[in-house]
Amino acid sequence: MIKRGKSSIVTIAEKCKNILASNWQGSLNTIKADSQDSKEEIYTSRVNYFVKKGRPYIWVPEKDLHNVNTIIDERGSFAVSSPFPGPLASILKSIKKLPARVALVGDAVLLEDEKARLASESFRETLLADQRAVEESSYSVSEIFSSSHPGSTSRSTNLEELLQGNMQYNLYKFIARSCMYIDINGKAHKVNLEDLEKCKADRLAQFSMSLIDGINRSELRRRALILFCITFLNEHAKDAFILSVDRKGFDVLAKVLGSMKGDGSREYVWKELRFTFKDAASDVETFCQRLLAMEEETLKKISSITGV
């Protein structure tokens, strides 16, 4: 089930697209309207968004200062983090790492009524499609989803209030002029906008937060991750969390034995490990089937070694 080679690599542009598609909250930054007095002081707030044709559409509450700022100056930036729900957040914090994130610089353009209505209809259809996909999923998928916390991992659950709530919003389209990918170690990578526009987000991206949280909250699944590290990568792991998922495989944050010290001792250290499927998973259903196949392969290898 494990494959290596160039075809198994997820490009930085693809990682950015998947992060944008997997989340629904980001940080919008605009220049305060009194920029001459404040020396272009930046105003920041958390906002909800969804992605249409690879571009973020952002809901800004009517009373939010962004609405005033963008009248004077549409320039802004928008930052989105990769999913890090549940226990994964505390682990990353303990080792002083931040989740990978995407930073876009460009213009926040207010949509006129008709364009805003059409975008909202598209958004509603997207949420309904998400809900149908979850309802129609097989046991292998629903079992993982049931272990996650819908209130913190489900895009449709969290964005439903935009359609049903009483709060009034303005809808903005964010047009990027530049893109930066910041990895888990804090290193920034400039992304070519043409590459970003050409690539598409994985079909399982919108469910990645539920997948990650469901797997990390399950003792059985996490034990399987530990065995994957030992069986497929020959890494002696004592703990493991799934870090990210995509159609080509998944990344794991594992606690493994580090290098030998001068005195001959070895300590456990957190390390990122990559597992890549031989055949890409086109959707969340296939991804879960790939995981089950890896579990079965692991058990066979362990049985052949132990003779049990």
C-alpha atoms as a PDB file:
ATOM      1  CA  MET A   1       0.000   0.000   0.000  1.00  0.00           C
ATOM      2  CA  ILE A   2       2.950   2.355   0.443  1.00  0.00           C
ATOM      3  CA  LYS A   3       4.526   4.083  -2.513  1.00  0.00           C
ATOM      4  CA  ARG A   4       7.464   6.408  -2.974  1.00  0.00           C
ATOM      5  CA  GLY A   5       8.501   8.602  -5.885  1.00  0.00           C
ATOM      6  CA  LYS A   6       7.770  11.947  -7.521  1.00  0.00           C
ATOM      7  CA  SER A   7       4.181  11.026  -8.352  1.00  0.00           C
ATOM      8  CA  SER A   8       3.490  10.589  -4.639  1.00  0.00           C
ATOM      9  CA  ILE A   9       4.557  14.136  -3.767  1.00  0.00           C
ATOM     10  CA  VAL A  10       1.890  16.730  -2.986  1.00  0.00           C
ATOM     11  CA  THR A  11       2.970  20.088  -4.398  1.00  0.00           C
ATOM     12  CA  ILE A  12       2.933  23.210  -2.251  1.00  0.00           C
ATOM     13  CA  ALA A  13       0.203  24.663  -4.468  1.00  0.00           C
ATOM     14  CA  GLU A  14      -1.927  21.547  -3.857  1.00  0.00           C
ATOM     15  CA  LYS A  15      -1.314  21.829  -0.113  1.00  0.00           C
ATOM     16  CA  CYS A  16      -2.559  25.423  -0.208  1.00  0.00           C
ATOM     17  CA  LYS A  17      -5.700  24.466  -2.121  1.00  0.00           C
ATOM     18  CA  ASN A  18      -6.424  21.635   0.317  1.00  0.00           C
ATOM     19  CA  ILE A  19      -5.968  23.867   3.358  1.00  0.00           C
ATOM     20  CA  LEU A  20      -8.331  26.485   1.912  1.00  0.00           C
ATOM     21  CA  ALA A  21     -10.923  23.817   1.115  1.00  0.00           C
ATOM     22  CA  SER A  22     -10.631  22.053   4.488  1.00  0.00           C
ATOM     23  CA  ASN A  23     -11.298  25.024   6.760  1.00  0.00           C
ATOM     24  CA  TRP A  24     -14.117  27.554   7.050  1.00  0.00           C
ATOM     25  CA  GLN A  25     -12.513  30.181   9.299  1.00  0.00           C
ATOM     26  CA  GLY A  26      -9.639  32.509   8.604  1.00  0.00           C
ATOM     27  CA  SER A  27      -8.095  35.807   9.669  1.00  0.00           C
ATOM     28  CA  LEU A  28      -8.913  38.802   7.479  1.00  0.00           C
ATOM     29  CA  ASN A  29      -6.605  41.804   7.696  1.00  0.00           C
ATOM     30  CA  THR A  30      -7.476  45.221   6.249  1.00  0.00           C
ATOM     31  CA  ILE A  31      -5.961  48.690   6.550  1.00  0.00           C
ATOM     32  CA  LYS A  32      -7.814  50.911   8.999  1.00  0.00           C
ATOM     33  CA  ALA A  33      -9.780  53.682   7.315  1.00  0.00           C
ATOM     34  CA  ASP A  34      -7.861  56.348   9.247  1.00  0.00           C
ATOM     35  CA  SER A  35      -4.604  54.971   7.846  1.00  0.00           C
ATOM     36  CA  GLN A  36      -2.957  58.408   7.509  1.00  0.00           C
ATOM     37  CA  ASP A  37      -3.216  59.012  11.240  1.00  0.00           C
ATOM     38  CA  SER A  38      -2.550  55.447  12.332  1.00  0.00           C
ATOM     39  CA  LYS A  39       0.363  54.884   9.901  1.00  0.00           C
ATOM     40  CA  GLU A  40      -1.548  52.166   8.057  1.00  0.00           C
ATOM     41  CA  GLU A  41      -2.499  50.279  11.204  1.00  0.00           C
ATOM     42  CA  ILE A  42      -3.929  46.854  10.441  1.00  0.00           C
ATOM     43  CA  TYR A  43      -7.312  45.656  11.677  1.00  0.00           C
ATOM     44  CA  THR A  44      -7.728  41.866  12.066  1.00  0.00           C
ATOM     45  CA  SER A  45     -10.704  39.659  12.829  1.00  0.00           C
ATOM     46  CA  ARG A  46     -11.791  36.049  12.443  1.00  0.00           C
ATOM     47  CA  VAL A  47     -14.267  35.529   9.618  1.00  0.00           C
ATOM     48  CA  ASN A  48     -16.121  32.660   7.990  1.00  0.00           C
ATOM     49  CA  TYR A  49     -15.596  31.792   4.344  1.00  0.00           C
ATOM     50  CA  PHE A  50     -16.097  29.145   1.697  1.00  0.00           C
ATOM     51  CA  VAL A  51     -14.196  28.398  -1.489  1.00  0.00           C
ATOM     52  CA  LYS A  52     -15.760  28.623  -4.950  1.00  0.00           C
ATOM     53  CA  LYS A  53     -13.618  27.804  -8.000  1.00  0.00           C
ATOM     54  CA  GLY A  54     -10.536  28.012  -5.790  1.00  0.00           C
ATOM     55  CA  ARG A  55     -11.290  31.525  -4.515  1.00  0.00           C
ATOM     56  CA  PRO A  56     -12.318  32.462  -0.934  1.00  0.00           C
ATOM     57  CA  TYR A  57     -15.693  34.153  -0.449  1.00  0.00           C
ATOM     58  CA  ILE A  58     -15.745  35.839   2.930  1.00  0.00           C
ATOM     59  CA  TRP A  59     -18.699  36.718   5.173  1.00  0.00           C
ATOM     60  CA  VAL A  60     -18.113  39.901   7.159  1.00  0.00           C
ATOM     61  CA  PRO A  61     -20.725  40.989   9.780  1.00  0.00           C
ATOM     62  CA  GLU A  62     -22.365  44.301   8.843  1.00  0.00           C
ATOM     63  CA  LYS A  63     -21.009  46.088  11.916  1.00  0.00           C
ATOM     64  CA  ASP A  64     -17.440  44.862  11.425  1.00  0.00           C
ATOM     65  CA  LEU A  65     -14.778  47.516  10.783  1.00  0.00           C
ATOM     66  CA  HIS A  66     -13.635  45.714   7.608  1.00  0.00           C
ATOM     67  CA  ASN A  67     -16.683  47.126   5.817  1.00  0.00           C
ATOM     68  CA  VAL A  68     -15.494  50.679   6.476  1.00  0.00           C
ATOM     69  CA  ASN A  69     -11.851  49.916   5.741  1.00  0.00           C
ATOM     70  CA  THR A  70     -12.479  48.360   2.321  1.00  0.00           C
ATOM     71  CA  ILE A  71     -14.464  51.395   1.146  1.00  0.00           C
ATOM     72  CA  ILE A  72     -11.241  53.409   1.399  1.00  0.00           C
ATOM     73  CA  ASP A  73      -8.759  50.676   0.513  1.00  0.00           C
ATOM     74  CA  GLU A  74      -9.583  47.163  -0.744  1.00  0.00           C
ATOM     75  CA  ARG A  75      -6.079  45.883  -0.062  1.00  0.00           C
ATOM     76  CA  GLY A  76      -5.836  43.180   2.547  1.00  0.00           C
ATOM     77  CA  SER A  77      -4.554  39.754   3.463  1.00  0.00           C
ATOM     78  CA  PHE A  78      -6.256  36.523   4.393  1.00  0.00           C
ATOM     79  CA  ALA A  79      -4.678  33.687   6.406  1.00  0.00           C
ATOM     80  CA  VAL A  80      -6.019  30.146   6.898  1.00  0.00           C
ATOM     81  CA  SER A  81      -4.550  27.314   8.992  1.00  0.00           C
ATOM     82  CA  SER A  82      -4.649  23.622   8.210  1.00  0.00           C
ATOM     83  CA  PRO A  83      -6.983  21.524  10.385  1.00  0.00           C
ATOM     84  CA  PHE A  84      -5.655  20.892  13.899  1.00  0.00           C
ATOM     85  CA  PRO A  85      -8.678  19.844  15.978  1.00  0.00           C
ATOM     86  CA  GLY A  86      -8.818  18.041  19.295  1.00  0.00           C
ATOM     87  CA  PRO A  87      -5.689  16.471  20.855  1.00  0.00           C
ATOM     88  CA  LEU A  88      -3.499  17.471  17.908  1.00  0.00           C
ATOM     89  CA  ALA A  89      -3.651  21.151  18.877  1.00  0.00           C
ATOM     90  CA  SER A  90      -2.192  20.543  22.347  1.00  0.00           C
ATOM     91  CA  ILE A  91       0.557  18.281  20.948  1.00  0.00           C
ATOM     92  CA  LEU A  92       1.672  20.916  18.445  1.00  0.00           C
ATOM     93  CA  LYS A  93       1.654  23.560  21.173  1.00  0.00           C
ATOM     94  CA  SER A  94       3.752  21.367  23.489  1.00  0.00           C
ATOM     95  CA  ILE A  95       6.500  20.991  20.867  1.00  0.00           C
ATOM     96  CA  LYS A  96       6.268  24.684  19.910  1.00  0.00           C
ATOM     97  CA  LYS A  97       5.017  24.129  16.382  1.00  0.00           C
ATOM     98  CA  LEU A  98       2.138  25.760  14.535  1.00  0.00           C
ATOM     99  CA  PRO A  99      -0.103  24.070  11.982  1.00  0.00           C
ATOM    100  CA  ALA A 100       0.751  24.722   8.343  1.00  0.00           C
ATOM    101  CA  ARG A 101      -1.075  27.741   6.941  1.00  0.00           C
ATOM    102  CA  VAL A 102      -1.757  29.738   3.805  1.00  0.00           C
ATOM    103  CA  ALA A 103      -1.342  33.536   3.611  1.00  0.00           C
ATOM    104  CA  LEU A 104      -2.930  35.384   0.696  1.00  0.00           C
ATOM    105  CA  VAL A 105      -2.289  39.043  -0.117  1.00  0.00           C
ATOM    106  CA  GLY A 106      -4.689  40.825  -2.436  1.00  0.00           C
ATOM    107  CA  ASP A 107      -8.003  42.702  -2.531  1.00  0.00           C
ATOM    108  CA  ALA A 108     -11.240  42.131  -0.612  1.00  0.00           C
ATOM    109  CA  VAL A 109     -13.922  43.071  -3.161  1.00  0.00           C
ATOM    110  CA  LEU A 110     -17.485  43.639  -1.937  1.00  0.00           C
ATOM    111  CA  LEU A 111     -20.039  41.742  -4.046  1.00  0.00           C
ATOM    112  CA  GLU A 112     -23.119  43.515  -5.332  1.00  0.00           C
ATOM    113  CA  ASP A 113     -26.535  42.147  -4.326  1.00  0.00           C
ATOM    114  CA  GLU A 114     -27.099  39.839  -7.324  1.00  0.00           C
ATOM    115  CA  LYS A 115     -23.569  38.409  -7.277  1.00  0.00           C
ATOM    116  CA  ALA A 116     -23.808  37.945  -3.503  1.00  0.00           C
ATOM    117  CA  ARG A 117     -27.126  36.118  -3.935  1.00  0.00           C
ATOM    118  CA  LEU A 118     -25.679  33.759  -6.552  1.00  0.00           C
ATOM    119  CA  ALA A 119     -22.615  33.059  -4.389  1.00  0.00           C
ATOM    120  CA  SER A 120     -24.884  32.355  -1.388  1.00  0.00           C
ATOM    121  CA  GLU A 121     -26.931  29.893  -3.440  1.00  0.00           C
ATOM    122  CA  SER A 122     -23.751  28.109  -4.488  1.00  0.00           C
ATOM    123  CA  PHE A 123     -22.692  28.047  -0.843  1.00  0.00           C
ATOM    124  CA  ARG A 124     -26.032  26.524   0.196  1.00  0.00           C
ATOM    125  CA  GLU A 125     -25.688  23.807  -2.455  1.00  0.00           C
ATOM    126  CA  THR A 126     -22.164  23.050  -1.227  1.00  0.00           C
ATOM    127  CA  LEU A 127     -23.368  22.566   2.351  1.00  0.00           C
ATOM    128  CA  LEU A 128     -26.231  20.327   1.231  1.00  0.00           C
ATOM    129  CA  ALA A 129     -23.787  18.226  -0.808  1.00  0.00           C
ATOM    130  CA  ASP A 130     -21.538  17.886   2.264  1.00  0.00           C
ATOM    131  CA  GLN A 131     -24.477  16.747   4.391  1.00  0.00           C
ATOM    132  CA  ARG A 132     -25.635  14.213   1.790  1.00  0.00           C
ATOM    133  CA  ALA A 133     -22.128  12.802   1.481  1.00  0.00           C
ATOM    134  CA  VAL A 134     -21.951  12.247   5.248  1.00  0.00           C
ATOM    135  CA  GLU A 135     -25.447  10.716   5.421  1.00  0.00           C
ATOM    136  CA  GLU A 136     -24.733   8.340   2.527  1.00  0.00           C
ATOM    137  CA  SER A 137     -21.249   7.338   3.672  1.00  0.00           C
ATOM    138  CA  SER A 138     -20.378   3.736   4.458  1.00  0.00           C
ATOM    139  CA  TYR A 139     -19.702   2.325   7.903  1.00  0.00           C
ATOM    140  CA  SER A 140     -15.920   2.728   7.501  1.00  0.00           C
ATOM    141  CA  VAL A 141     -16.406   6.485   7.046  1.00  0.00           C
ATOM    142  CA  SER A 142     -19.231   7.068   9.529  1.00  0.00           C
ATOM    143  CA  GLU A 143     -17.301   5.170  12.228  1.00  0.00           C
ATOM    144  CA  ILE A 144     -14.426   7.657  11.992  1.00  0.00           C
ATOM    145  CA  PHE A 145     -16.748  10.661  11.751  1.00  0.00           C
ATOM    146  CA  SER A 146     -18.677   9.500  14.832  1.00  0.00           C
ATOM    147  CA  SER A 147     -15.483   9.743  16.901  1.00  0.00           C
ATOM    148  CA  SER A 148     -14.980  13.392  15.928  1.00  0.00           C
ATOM    149  CA  HIS A 149     -16.685  16.430  17.448  1.00  0.00           C
ATOM    150  CA  PRO A 150     -19.099  17.859  14.814  1.00  0.00           C
ATOM    151  CA  GLY A 151     -19.246  21.204  16.614  1.00  0.00           C
ATOM    152  CA  SER A 152     -15.569  21.801  15.949  1.00  0.00           C
ATOM    153  CA  THR A 153     -14.878  19.752  12.823  1.00  0.00           C
ATOM    154  CA  SER A 154     -17.927  19.866  10.526  1.00  0.00           C
ATOM    155  CA  ARG A 155     -17.929  22.672   7.959  1.00  0.00           C
ATOM    156  CA  SER A 156     -21.668  22.367   7.267  1.00  0.00           C
ATOM    157  CA  THR A 157     -22.553  22.398  10.989  1.00  0.00           C
ATOM    158  CA  ASN A 158     -20.464  25.491  11.659  1.00  0.00           C
ATOM    159  CA  LEU A 159     -21.553  27.472   8.612  1.00  0.00           C
ATOM    160  CA  GLU A 160     -25.251  26.624   8.784  1.00  0.00           C
ATOM    161  CA  GLU A 161     -25.898  29.667  10.986  1.00  0.00           C
ATOM    162  CA  LEU A 162     -24.857  31.933   8.106  1.00  0.00           C
ATOM    163  CA  LEU A 163     -27.974  30.773   6.287  1.00  0.00           C
ATOM    164  CA  GLN A 164     -30.301  30.498   9.279  1.00  0.00           C
ATOM    165  CA  GLY A 165     -29.019  33.151  11.712  1.00  0.00           C
ATOM    166  CA  ASN A 166     -30.350  36.665  12.210  1.00  0.00           C
ATOM    167  CA  MET A 167     -27.001  38.431  11.877  1.00  0.00           C
ATOM    168  CA  GLN A 168     -26.544  40.468   8.696  1.00  0.00           C
ATOM    169  CA  TYR A 169     -23.413  40.003   6.605  1.00  0.00           C
ATOM    170  CA  ASN A 170     -21.656  41.500   3.616  1.00  0.00           C
ATOM    171  CA  LEU A 171     -20.079  39.043   1.203  1.00  0.00           C
ATOM    172  CA  TYR A 172     -16.584  39.662  -0.212  1.00  0.00           C
ATOM    173  CA  LYS A 173     -14.593  37.909  -2.898  1.00  0.00           C
ATOM    174  CA  PHE A 174     -10.893  37.794  -2.070  1.00  0.00           C
ATOM    175  CA  ILE A 175      -8.735  38.237  -5.171  1.00  0.00           C
ATOM    176  CA  ALA A 176      -5.173  37.123  -4.409  1.00  0.00           C
ATOM    177  CA  ARG A 177      -2.105  38.844  -5.850  1.00  0.00           C
ATOM    178  CA  SER A 178       0.379  36.658  -3.995  1.00  0.00           C
ATOM    179  CA  CYS A 179       0.361  33.463  -1.934  1.00  0.00           C
ATOM    180  CA  MET A 180       2.648  32.113   0.757  1.00  0.00           C
ATOM    181  CA  TYR A 181       2.680  28.657   2.326  1.00  0.00           C
ATOM    182  CA  ILE A 182       4.084  28.458   5.877  1.00  0.00           C
ATOM    183  CA  ASP A 183       4.962  24.919   6.926  1.00  0.00           C
ATOM    184  CA  ILE A 184       4.775  23.383  10.388  1.00  0.00           C
ATOM    185  CA  ASN A 185       8.347  24.493  11.126  1.00  0.00           C
ATOM    186  CA  GLY A 186       7.534  28.122  10.316  1.00  0.00           C
ATOM    187  CA  LYS A 187       9.378  28.173   6.993  1.00  0.00           C
ATOM    188  CA  ALA A 188       7.690  30.324   4.324  1.00  0.00           C
ATOM    189  CA  HIS A 189       7.391  29.145   0.715  1.00  0.00           C
ATOM    190  CA  LYS A 190       6.261  31.488  -2.063  1.00  0.00           C
ATOM    191  CA  VAL A 191       3.602  29.921  -4.286  1.00  0.00           C
ATOM    192  CA  ASN A 192       3.187  30.700  -7.975  1.00  0.00           C
ATOM    193  CA  LEU A 193      -0.378  31.965  -8.504  1.00  0.00           C
ATOM    194  CA  GLU A 194      -0.603  30.218 -11.870  1.00  0.00           C
ATOM    195  CA  ASP A 195       0.191  26.901 -10.186  1.00  0.00           C
ATOM    196  CA  LEU A 196      -2.398  27.660  -7.510  1.00  0.00           C
ATOM    197  CA  GLU A 197      -5.086  28.386 -10.090  1.00  0.00           C
ATOM    198  CA  LYS A 198      -4.320  25.288 -12.167  1.00  0.00           C
ATOM    199  CA  CYS A 199      -4.460  22.723  -9.359  1.00  0.00           C
ATOM    200  CA  LYS A 200      -7.644  21.549  -7.666  1.00  0.00           C
ATOM    201  CA  ALA A 201      -8.381  20.727  -4.054  1.00  0.00           C
ATOM    202  CA  ASP A 202      -8.871  17.064  -3.172  1.00  0.00           C
ATOM    203  CA  ARG A 203     -12.477  15.911  -3.017  1.00  0.00           C
ATOM    204  CA  LEU A 204     -11.859  14.728   0.537  1.00  0.00           C
ATOM    205  CA  ALA A 205     -10.456  18.104   1.681  1.00  0.00           C
ATOM    206  CA  GLN A 206     -13.759  19.421   3.067  1.00  0.00           C
ATOM    207  CA  PHE A 207     -13.969  16.354   5.327  1.00  0.00           C
ATOM    208  CA  SER A 208     -10.317  16.320   6.393  1.00  0.00           C
ATOM    209  CA  MET A 209     -10.926  18.004   9.752  1.00  0.00           C
ATOM    210  CA  SER A 210     -13.488  15.337  10.739  1.00  0.00           C
ATOM    211  CA  LEU A 211     -11.168  12.583   9.487  1.00  0.00           C
ATOM    212  CA  ILE A 212      -8.185  13.913  11.431  1.00  0.00           C
ATOM    213  CA  ASP A 213     -10.152  14.452  14.635  1.00  0.00           C
ATOM    214  CA  GLY A 214     -11.983  11.120  14.395  1.00  0.00           C
ATOM    215  CA  ILE A 215      -8.769   9.153  13.932  1.00  0.00           C
ATOM    216  CA  ASN A 216      -6.861  11.027  16.636  1.00  0.00           C
ATOM    217  CA  ARG A 217      -9.646  10.536  19.210  1.00  0.00           C
ATOM    218  CA  SER A 218      -9.783   6.786  18.610  1.00  0.00           C
ATOM    219  CA  GLU A 219      -7.314   4.660  20.600  1.00  0.00           C
ATOM    220  CA  LEU A 220      -7.717   1.832  18.098  1.00  0.00           C
ATOM    221  CA  ARG A 221      -6.905   4.063  15.117  1.00  0.00           C
ATOM    222  CA  ARG A 222      -3.934   5.635  16.849  1.00  0.00           C
ATOM    223  CA  ARG A 223      -2.528   2.208  17.702  1.00  0.00           C
ATOM    224  CA  ALA A 224      -2.831   1.428  14.004  1.00  0.00           C
ATOM    225  CA  LEU A 225      -0.829   4.578  13.191  1.00  0.00           C
ATOM    226  CA  ILE A 226       1.916   3.428  15.568  1.00  0.00           C
ATOM    227  CA  LEU A 227       2.012   0.037  13.833  1.00  0.00           C
ATOM    228  CA  PHE A 228       2.155   1.760  10.422  1.00  0.00           C
ATOM    229  CA  CYS A 229       5.283   3.625  11.564  1.00  0.00           C
ATOM    230  CA  ILE A 230       6.939   0.388  12.677  1.00  0.00           C
ATOM    231  CA  THR A 231       5.786  -1.842   9.815  1.00  0.00           C
ATOM    232  CA  PHE A 232       6.074   0.396   6.770  1.00  0.00           C
ATOM    233  CA  LEU A 233       8.779   2.908   7.733  1.00  0.00           C
ATOM    234  CA  ASN A 234      10.807   0.942  10.283  1.00  0.00           C
ATOM    235  CA  GLU A 235      10.383   3.772  12.808  1.00  0.00           C
ATOM    236  CA  HIS A 236      10.108   2.671  16.441  1.00  0.00           C
ATOM    237  CA  ALA A 237       7.102   4.747  17.534  1.00  0.00           C
ATOM    238  CA  LYS A 238       5.426   4.903  20.919  1.00  0.00           C
ATOM    239  CA  ASP A 239       2.740   7.461  20.005  1.00  0.00           C
ATOM    240  CA  ALA A 240       1.298   8.916  16.810  1.00  0.00           C
ATOM    241  CA  PHE A 241      -1.298  11.408  15.572  1.00  0.00           C
ATOM    242  CA  ILE A 242      -2.496  11.946  12.033  1.00  0.00           C
ATOM    243  CA  LEU A 243      -1.436  15.414  10.936  1.00  0.00           C
ATOM    244  CA  SER A 244      -2.906  15.894   7.460  1.00  0.00           C
ATOM    245  CA  VAL A 245      -4.716  13.915   4.767  1.00  0.00           C
ATOM    246  CA  ASP A 246      -4.891  14.146   0.986  1.00  0.00           C
ATOM    247  CA  ARG A 247      -5.715  11.945  -1.990  1.00  0.00           C
ATOM    248  CA  LYS A 248      -2.119  10.662  -2.224  1.00  0.00           C
ATOM    249  CA  GLY A 249      -1.772   9.679   1.441  1.00  0.00           C
ATOM    250  CA  PHE A 250      -1.370  11.218   4.863  1.00  0.00           C
ATOM    251  CA  ASP A 251       1.175  12.746   7.232  1.00  0.00           C
ATOM    252  CA  VAL A 252       1.686  11.527  10.777  1.00  0.00           C
ATOM    253  CA  LEU A 253       3.270  13.240  13.767  1.00  0.00           C
ATOM    254  CA  ALA A 254       4.935  10.346  15.581  1.00  0.00           C
ATOM    255  CA  LYS A 255       6.989  10.040  18.748  1.00  0.00           C
ATOM    256  CA  VAL A 256       9.921   7.912  17.594  1.00  0.00           C
ATOM    257  CA  LEU A 257      13.394   6.978  18.799  1.00  0.00           C
ATOM    258  CA  GLY A 258      15.862   9.710  17.876  1.00  0.00           C
ATOM    259  CA  SER A 259      19.487   9.438  16.831  1.00  0.00           C
ATOM    260  CA  MET A 260      22.096   7.797  19.046  1.00  0.00           C
ATOM    261  CA  LYS A 261      23.795  10.221  21.452  1.00  0.00           C
ATOM    262  CA  GLY A 262      27.462  10.271  22.363  1.00  0.00           C
ATOM    263  CA  ASP A 263      26.811   8.246  25.500  1.00  0.00           C
ATOM    264  CA  GLY A 264      24.947   5.602  23.521  1.00  0.00           C
ATOM    265  CA  SER A 265      21.490   6.637  24.721  1.00  0.00           C
ATOM    266  CA  ARG A 266      18.459   7.485  22.573  1.00  0.00           C
ATOM    267  CA  GLU A 267      15.440   9.618  23.389  1.00  0.00           C
ATOM    268  CA  TYR A 268      12.007   9.756  21.843  1.00  0.00           C
ATOM    269  CA  VAL A 269      11.371  12.796  19.638  1.00  0.00           C
ATOM    270  CA  TRP A 270       8.365  14.025  17.646  1.00  0.00           C
ATOM    271  CA  LYS A 271       8.889  13.556  13.920  1.00  0.00           C
ATOM    272  CA  GLU A 272       6.783  14.069  10.790  1.00  0.00           C
ATOM    273  CA  LEU A 273       6.335  10.925   8.699  1.00  0.00           C
ATOM    274  CA  ARG A 274       4.710  10.522   5.306  1.00  0.00           C
ATOM    275  CA  PHE A 275       2.582   7.562   4.166  1.00  0.00           C
ATOM    276  CA  THR A 276       1.651   7.471   0.498  1.00  0.00           C
ATOM    277  CA  PHE A 277      -0.919   5.248  -1.200  1.00  0.00           C
ATOM    278  CA  LYS A 278      -0.012   3.198  -4.257  1.00  0.00           C
ATOM    279  CA  ASP A 279      -3.254   4.413  -5.826  1.00  0.00           C
ATOM    280  CA  ALA A 280      -4.697   7.848  -5.079  1.00  0.00           C
ATOM    281  CA  ALA A 281      -7.913   8.103  -3.065  1.00  0.00           C
ATOM    282  CA  SER A 282     -10.415  10.063  -5.153  1.00  0.00           C
ATOM    283  CA  ASP A 283     -12.775  10.730  -2.241  1.00  0.00           C
ATOM    284  CA  VAL A 284     -13.252  10.257   1.501  1.00  0.00           C
ATOM    285  CA  GLU A 285     -14.794   6.804   0.982  1.00  0.00           C
ATOM    286  CA  THR A 286     -11.748   5.558  -0.896  1.00  0.00           C
ATOM    287  CA  PHE A 287      -9.393   7.151   1.631  1.00  0.00           C
ATOM    288  CA  CYS A 288     -10.977   5.174   4.485  1.00  0.00           C
ATOM    289  CA  GLN A 289     -10.818   1.986   2.405  1.00  0.00           C
ATOM    290  CA  ARG A 290      -7.090   2.607   1.875  1.00  0.00           C
ATOM    291  CA  LEU A 291      -6.630   2.945   5.646  1.00  0.00           C
ATOM    292  CA  LEU A 292      -8.462  -0.341   6.268  1.00  0.00           C
ATOM    293  CA  ALA A 293      -6.316  -2.074   3.636  1.00  0.00           C
ATOM    294  CA  MET A 294      -3.170  -0.779   5.367  1.00  0.00           C
ATOM    295  CA  GLU A 295      -4.437  -2.090   8.704  1.00  0.00           C
ATOM    296  CA  GLU A 296      -5.048  -5.523   7.181  1.00  0.00           C
ATOM    297  CA  GLU A 297      -1.612  -5.541   5.544  1.00  0.00           C
ATOM    298  CA  THR A 298      -0.010  -4.558   8.855  1.00  0.00           C
ATOM    299  CA  LEU A 299      -1.725  -7.389  10.714  1.00  0.00           C
ATOM    300  CA  LYS A 300      -0.593  -9.910   8.073  1.00  0.00           C
ATOM    301  CA  LYS A 301       3.025  -8.739   8.345  1.00  0.00           C
ATOM    302  CA  ILE A 302       2.958  -8.884  12.139  1.00  0.00           C
ATOM    303  CA  SER A 303       1.370 -12.385  12.016  1.00  0.00           C
ATOM    304  CA  SER A 304       4.041 -13.626   9.615  1.00  0.00           C
ATOM    305  CA  ILE A 305       6.764 -12.391  11.973  1.00  0.00           C
ATOM    306  CA  THR A 306       5.227 -13.623  15.225  1.00  0.00           C
ATOM    307  CA  GLY A 307       3.734 -16.780  13.746  1.00  0.00           C
ATOM    308  CA  VAL A 308       0.389 -15.984  15.365  1.00  0.00           C
END
